[in-house]
N, C-alpha and C. Protein backbone atom coordinates (compact mmCIF):
# COMPACT_ATOMS: atom_id res chain seq x y z
N MET A 1 0.79 -1.14 0.09
CA MET A 1 0.03 0.07 -0.13
C MET A 1 0.93 1.31 -0.06
N THR A 2 0.55 2.04 -0.96
CA THR A 2 1.37 3.30 -0.88
C THR A 2 0.93 4.45 -0.14
N ALA A 3 1.75 5.46 0.38
CA ALA A 3 1.23 6.43 1.20
C ALA A 3 -0.01 7.26 0.51
N ALA A 4 -0.06 7.17 -0.66
CA ALA A 4 -1.11 7.92 -1.50
C ALA A 4 -2.53 7.26 -1.36
N ALA A 5 -2.43 5.86 -1.15
CA ALA A 5 -3.54 5.04 -1.14
C ALA A 5 -4.47 5.51 0.01
N LYS A 6 -4.31 6.01 0.87
CA LYS A 6 -5.16 6.47 1.96
C LYS A 6 -5.89 7.92 1.65
N TYR A 7 -5.69 8.38 0.52
CA TYR A 7 -6.14 9.66 -0.02
C TYR A 7 -6.88 9.51 -1.18
N GLU A 8 -7.88 10.26 -1.39
CA GLU A 8 -8.68 10.16 -2.57
C GLU A 8 -7.99 10.56 -3.80
N THR A 9 -8.13 9.72 -4.85
CA THR A 9 -7.55 10.01 -6.24
C THR A 9 -8.33 10.62 -7.09
N ARG A 10 -7.89 11.66 -7.79
CA ARG A 10 -8.75 12.24 -8.76
C ARG A 10 -7.86 12.36 -10.12
N LYS A 11 -8.34 12.19 -11.16
CA LYS A 11 -7.59 12.52 -12.40
C LYS A 11 -7.24 14.15 -12.65
N ALA A 12 -6.02 14.29 -12.70
CA ALA A 12 -5.49 15.77 -12.78
C ALA A 12 -5.90 16.33 -14.06
N THR A 13 -6.27 17.52 -14.02
CA THR A 13 -6.66 18.27 -15.32
C THR A 13 -5.28 18.55 -16.10
N LYS A 14 -5.58 18.89 -17.34
CA LYS A 14 -4.25 19.15 -17.98
C LYS A 14 -3.45 20.18 -17.60
N SER A 15 -4.03 21.18 -16.97
CA SER A 15 -3.20 22.35 -16.45
C SER A 15 -2.37 21.73 -15.24
N VAL A 16 -3.10 20.93 -14.28
CA VAL A 16 -2.34 20.31 -13.34
C VAL A 16 -1.21 19.67 -13.52
N ALA A 17 -1.61 18.54 -14.56
CA ALA A 17 -0.49 17.80 -15.01
C ALA A 17 0.63 18.49 -15.63
N LYS A 18 0.26 19.45 -16.25
CA LYS A 18 1.48 20.37 -17.05
C LYS A 18 2.27 21.07 -16.00
N LEU A 19 1.61 21.39 -15.00
CA LEU A 19 2.36 22.41 -13.90
C LEU A 19 3.06 21.28 -13.02
N VAL A 20 2.64 20.09 -12.91
CA VAL A 20 3.53 19.01 -12.27
C VAL A 20 4.72 18.67 -12.91
N GLN A 21 4.59 18.38 -14.10
CA GLN A 21 5.56 18.07 -15.21
C GLN A 21 6.78 19.37 -15.13
N GLU A 22 6.22 20.42 -15.23
CA GLU A 22 7.25 21.69 -15.25
C GLU A 22 7.80 21.81 -14.02
N ARG A 23 7.18 21.52 -12.82
CA ARG A 23 7.98 21.62 -11.52
C ARG A 23 8.97 20.55 -11.58
N GLU A 24 8.66 19.36 -11.99
CA GLU A 24 9.81 18.27 -11.84
C GLU A 24 10.95 18.50 -12.73
N GLU A 25 10.70 19.03 -13.89
CA GLU A 25 11.74 19.39 -14.81
C GLU A 25 12.60 20.55 -14.24
N HIS A 26 11.91 21.52 -13.83
CA HIS A 26 12.78 22.62 -13.06
C HIS A 26 13.51 22.08 -11.76
N ARG A 27 12.85 21.00 -11.23
CA ARG A 27 13.84 20.55 -10.09
C ARG A 27 14.89 19.79 -10.47
N ALA A 28 14.73 19.22 -11.61
CA ALA A 28 16.04 18.34 -12.08
C ALA A 28 17.12 19.50 -12.59
N GLN A 29 16.73 20.53 -13.25
CA GLN A 29 17.38 21.57 -13.62
C GLN A 29 18.28 22.21 -12.52
N ILE A 30 17.42 22.56 -11.53
CA ILE A 30 18.15 22.98 -10.39
C ILE A 30 19.12 22.10 -9.64
N ALA A 31 18.65 20.76 -9.53
CA ALA A 31 19.69 19.82 -9.02
C ALA A 31 20.82 19.66 -9.77
N GLU A 32 20.89 19.79 -11.26
CA GLU A 32 22.01 19.77 -12.04
C GLU A 32 22.67 21.19 -11.77
N LEU A 33 22.11 22.22 -11.77
CA LEU A 33 22.92 23.61 -11.56
C LEU A 33 23.71 23.61 -10.07
N ALA A 34 22.85 22.87 -9.06
CA ALA A 34 23.63 22.96 -7.81
C ALA A 34 24.85 22.11 -7.81
N ARG A 35 24.60 21.06 -8.63
CA ARG A 35 26.04 20.08 -8.76
C ARG A 35 27.03 20.99 -9.40
N LYS A 36 26.67 21.82 -10.40
CA LYS A 36 27.73 22.62 -11.07
C LYS A 36 28.33 23.58 -10.22
N VAL A 37 27.38 24.34 -9.54
CA VAL A 37 27.80 25.39 -8.43
C VAL A 37 28.76 24.69 -7.60
N ALA A 38 28.46 23.63 -6.89
CA ALA A 38 29.31 22.95 -6.02
C ALA A 38 30.65 22.74 -6.61
N THR A 39 30.91 22.25 -7.74
CA THR A 39 31.90 21.99 -8.48
C THR A 39 32.81 23.34 -8.50
N ILE A 40 32.28 24.24 -8.99
CA ILE A 40 32.81 25.66 -9.15
C ILE A 40 33.26 26.23 -7.66
N ASP A 41 32.46 26.04 -6.62
CA ASP A 41 32.77 26.30 -5.30
C ASP A 41 34.10 25.56 -4.91
N ASP A 42 34.10 24.41 -5.16
CA ASP A 42 35.42 23.48 -4.66
C ASP A 42 36.63 24.31 -5.40
N THR A 43 36.36 24.49 -6.57
CA THR A 43 37.51 25.08 -7.37
C THR A 43 38.14 26.54 -6.74
N LEU A 44 36.89 27.46 -6.51
CA LEU A 44 37.15 28.80 -5.97
C LEU A 44 37.73 28.51 -4.45
N ASP A 45 37.24 27.47 -3.67
CA ASP A 45 37.71 27.28 -2.19
C ASP A 45 39.14 27.20 -2.26
N LYS A 46 39.80 26.78 -3.25
CA LYS A 46 41.30 26.54 -3.32
C LYS A 46 42.07 27.79 -3.45
N LEU A 47 41.47 28.88 -3.82
CA LEU A 47 41.99 30.16 -3.96
C LEU A 47 42.40 30.65 -2.86
N GLU A 48 43.61 31.54 -2.66
CA GLU A 48 44.11 31.98 -1.40
C GLU A 48 43.22 33.06 -0.83
N PRO A 49 42.88 32.67 0.42
CA PRO A 49 41.94 33.78 1.12
C PRO A 49 42.45 35.15 1.29
N GLY A 50 41.65 36.13 1.59
CA GLY A 50 41.99 37.42 1.82
C GLY A 50 42.60 38.36 0.55
N ILE A 51 42.36 37.75 -0.63
CA ILE A 51 42.67 38.22 -2.03
C ILE A 51 41.46 38.73 -2.67
N VAL A 52 41.54 39.74 -3.13
CA VAL A 52 40.24 40.31 -4.14
C VAL A 52 40.63 39.98 -5.51
N TYR A 53 39.84 39.19 -6.09
CA TYR A 53 39.97 38.73 -7.51
C TYR A 53 38.88 39.51 -8.12
N ASP A 54 39.45 40.36 -9.00
CA ASP A 54 38.59 41.39 -9.87
C ASP A 54 38.61 40.75 -11.21
N THR A 55 37.43 40.54 -11.71
CA THR A 55 36.82 40.12 -12.91
C THR A 55 36.18 41.05 -13.70
N PRO A 56 36.03 40.88 -14.91
CA PRO A 56 35.15 42.03 -15.70
C PRO A 56 33.83 42.11 -15.25
N THR A 57 33.22 41.13 -14.68
CA THR A 57 31.93 41.21 -14.16
C THR A 57 31.72 41.19 -12.69
N HIS A 58 32.58 40.73 -11.96
CA HIS A 58 32.40 40.46 -10.33
C HIS A 58 33.70 40.59 -9.81
N THR A 59 33.47 40.85 -8.43
CA THR A 59 34.58 41.08 -7.61
C THR A 59 34.46 39.94 -6.56
N PHE A 60 35.49 39.03 -6.56
CA PHE A 60 35.46 37.91 -5.78
C PHE A 60 36.37 37.88 -4.56
N LEU A 61 36.17 37.61 -3.41
CA LEU A 61 36.96 37.57 -2.12
C LEU A 61 36.58 36.34 -1.32
N ARG A 62 37.72 35.74 -0.89
CA ARG A 62 37.34 34.65 0.09
C ARG A 62 37.74 35.24 1.23
N ARG A 63 36.91 35.40 2.26
CA ARG A 63 37.34 35.83 3.66
C ARG A 63 36.76 34.83 4.63
N PRO A 64 37.51 34.82 5.90
CA PRO A 64 37.02 33.85 6.68
C PRO A 64 35.58 34.31 7.36
N THR A 65 34.92 33.34 7.72
CA THR A 65 33.67 33.80 8.49
C THR A 65 33.79 32.69 9.85
N ARG A 66 33.31 33.50 10.72
CA ARG A 66 33.39 32.84 12.08
C ARG A 66 32.06 32.46 12.59
N ARG A 67 31.89 31.44 13.05
CA ARG A 67 30.73 31.03 13.80
C ARG A 67 30.97 30.24 15.14
N PHE A 68 30.25 30.29 16.19
CA PHE A 68 30.50 29.94 17.42
C PHE A 68 29.96 28.49 17.19
N ASN A 69 30.89 27.53 17.63
CA ASN A 69 30.63 26.10 17.65
C ASN A 69 30.28 25.76 19.21
N ALA A 70 28.85 25.82 19.47
CA ALA A 70 28.33 25.44 20.72
C ALA A 70 28.70 23.97 21.16
N ALA A 71 28.74 23.15 20.28
CA ALA A 71 29.26 21.54 20.62
C ALA A 71 30.57 21.61 21.20
N LYS A 72 31.44 22.36 20.49
CA LYS A 72 32.87 22.38 20.97
C LYS A 72 32.91 22.98 22.38
N PHE A 73 32.21 24.20 22.37
CA PHE A 73 32.29 24.95 23.85
C PHE A 73 31.87 24.09 24.90
N ALA A 74 30.52 23.28 24.59
CA ALA A 74 29.92 22.51 25.62
C ALA A 74 30.84 21.37 26.10
N GLU A 75 31.67 21.03 25.07
CA GLU A 75 32.68 19.80 25.46
C GLU A 75 33.46 20.21 26.58
N LYS A 76 34.15 21.55 26.44
CA LYS A 76 35.02 21.85 27.35
C LYS A 76 34.42 22.59 28.42
N PHE A 77 33.27 23.13 28.34
CA PHE A 77 32.52 23.87 29.63
C PHE A 77 31.20 23.15 29.76
N PRO A 78 30.98 21.91 30.19
CA PRO A 78 29.72 21.22 30.30
C PRO A 78 28.72 21.84 31.17
N ALA A 79 27.45 21.60 31.10
CA ALA A 79 26.63 22.19 32.11
C ALA A 79 26.84 21.86 33.59
N THR A 80 27.52 20.94 33.79
CA THR A 80 27.76 20.43 35.11
C THR A 80 28.72 21.37 35.91
N LYS A 81 29.70 21.77 35.00
CA LYS A 81 30.76 22.75 35.51
C LYS A 81 30.27 24.28 35.42
N LYS A 82 29.70 24.39 34.37
CA LYS A 82 29.06 25.88 34.36
C LYS A 82 27.55 26.07 33.99
N PRO A 83 26.74 25.69 35.06
CA PRO A 83 25.25 25.73 34.95
C PRO A 83 24.73 27.05 34.56
N LYS A 84 25.36 28.22 35.00
CA LYS A 84 24.86 29.32 34.66
C LYS A 84 24.81 29.81 33.35
N LEU A 85 25.65 29.05 32.52
CA LEU A 85 25.45 29.46 30.98
C LEU A 85 24.55 28.45 30.08
N TYR A 86 23.90 27.81 30.96
CA TYR A 86 22.81 27.06 30.31
C TYR A 86 21.47 27.33 30.79
N LYS A 87 20.54 27.16 29.93
CA LYS A 87 19.01 27.03 30.39
C LYS A 87 18.22 25.80 29.96
N ARG A 88 17.09 25.92 30.74
CA ARG A 88 16.30 24.67 30.51
C ARG A 88 15.37 24.69 29.36
N THR A 89 15.16 23.71 28.56
CA THR A 89 14.21 23.83 27.60
C THR A 89 13.04 22.90 27.86
N LEU A 90 12.04 23.07 26.98
CA LEU A 90 10.85 22.29 27.05
C LEU A 90 11.01 20.83 26.60
N ASP A 91 10.78 19.85 27.31
CA ASP A 91 10.95 18.30 26.86
C ASP A 91 9.78 18.07 26.10
N THR A 92 9.92 18.09 24.78
CA THR A 92 8.70 17.74 23.99
C THR A 92 8.19 16.21 24.07
N THR A 93 9.27 15.61 24.31
CA THR A 93 9.00 14.03 24.36
C THR A 93 8.19 13.77 25.64
N ALA A 94 8.58 14.37 26.73
CA ALA A 94 7.78 14.43 28.06
C ALA A 94 6.37 14.90 27.81
N VAL A 95 6.31 15.88 27.27
CA VAL A 95 4.88 16.62 26.86
C VAL A 95 3.98 15.49 26.33
N LYS A 96 4.69 14.96 25.18
CA LYS A 96 3.72 14.05 24.34
C LYS A 96 3.44 12.80 25.27
N ARG A 97 4.17 12.40 26.37
CA ARG A 97 3.77 11.22 27.26
C ARG A 97 2.81 11.82 28.02
N ALA A 98 2.89 12.90 28.57
CA ALA A 98 1.99 13.54 29.58
C ALA A 98 0.45 13.81 29.13
N PHE A 99 0.36 14.11 27.90
CA PHE A 99 -0.88 14.70 27.26
C PHE A 99 -1.41 13.81 26.21
N SER A 100 -2.54 13.75 26.04
CA SER A 100 -3.20 13.06 24.91
C SER A 100 -3.16 13.63 23.66
N ALA A 101 -3.12 12.71 22.49
CA ALA A 101 -3.18 13.50 21.09
C ALA A 101 -4.21 14.66 21.11
N ALA A 102 -5.50 14.53 21.63
CA ALA A 102 -6.44 15.40 21.54
C ALA A 102 -6.15 16.62 22.19
N GLU A 103 -5.64 16.48 23.44
CA GLU A 103 -5.17 17.76 24.09
C GLU A 103 -4.07 18.62 23.61
N LEU A 104 -3.09 17.83 22.76
CA LEU A 104 -2.04 18.39 22.03
C LEU A 104 -2.33 19.06 20.80
N ALA A 105 -3.71 18.48 20.30
CA ALA A 105 -4.11 19.08 18.82
C ALA A 105 -4.23 20.53 18.94
N ALA A 106 -4.45 21.11 19.90
CA ALA A 106 -4.56 22.57 20.00
C ALA A 106 -3.28 23.30 19.90
N PHE A 107 -2.12 22.79 20.08
CA PHE A 107 -0.85 23.32 19.99
C PHE A 107 -0.14 22.82 18.68
N GLU A 108 -0.91 22.13 17.65
CA GLU A 108 -0.31 21.76 16.52
C GLU A 108 -0.32 22.85 15.55
N ASP A 109 0.71 22.92 14.67
CA ASP A 109 0.56 23.76 13.47
C ASP A 109 0.44 22.80 12.32
N VAL A 110 -0.29 23.12 11.43
CA VAL A 110 -0.58 22.21 10.29
C VAL A 110 -0.02 22.90 8.89
N SER A 111 0.79 22.08 8.15
CA SER A 111 1.25 22.64 7.01
C SER A 111 1.00 21.24 6.03
N TYR A 112 1.09 21.74 4.77
CA TYR A 112 1.05 20.61 3.69
C TYR A 112 2.48 20.43 2.76
N ALA A 113 2.71 19.23 2.68
CA ALA A 113 3.99 18.90 1.87
C ALA A 113 3.36 18.61 0.46
N THR A 114 4.25 19.11 -0.37
CA THR A 114 3.98 18.70 -1.86
C THR A 114 4.66 17.56 -2.19
N ILE A 115 3.98 16.56 -2.46
CA ILE A 115 4.70 15.26 -2.77
C ILE A 115 4.23 14.93 -4.32
N VAL A 116 5.31 14.77 -5.05
CA VAL A 116 5.44 14.49 -6.39
C VAL A 116 6.32 13.16 -6.62
N ALA A 117 5.58 11.93 -6.91
CA ALA A 117 6.23 10.82 -6.96
C ALA A 117 6.08 10.34 -8.45
N PRO A 118 7.30 10.05 -9.24
CA PRO A 118 7.17 9.54 -10.50
C PRO A 118 6.54 8.53 -10.61
N LYS A 119 5.82 8.13 -11.70
CA LYS A 119 5.00 6.75 -12.07
C LYS A 119 6.00 5.92 -12.40
N GLU A 120 5.77 4.54 -11.99
CA GLU A 120 6.41 3.46 -12.64
C GLU A 120 6.09 3.30 -13.79
N ALA A 121 7.24 2.88 -14.94
CA ALA A 121 6.82 2.67 -16.31
C ALA A 121 6.18 1.31 -16.50
């Protein structure tokens, strides 16, 4: 049984069929372009940082960006040693055990995923 089997099935109109087809073609093009960009980025990442590369159309600079590594910090300064640096958060697993699904429904946000699955030939 497929996931779609529990939903009502309707024959798509030509306009819906065309949109779905166009969407999937664009997604394939985006995936291919993303692979090309990753290859280009791999090459550009090998350039010396701190140098401005001036091209006819763009200026390119590799500069370092710094991000706080919370996991690395927590390894050196765990909550047991520095409790004032940490805060408690809601334990959603405990909440789900303590309340019924009906009670929790008031706190649910609903969104809809777009699922497109190719048909088997």
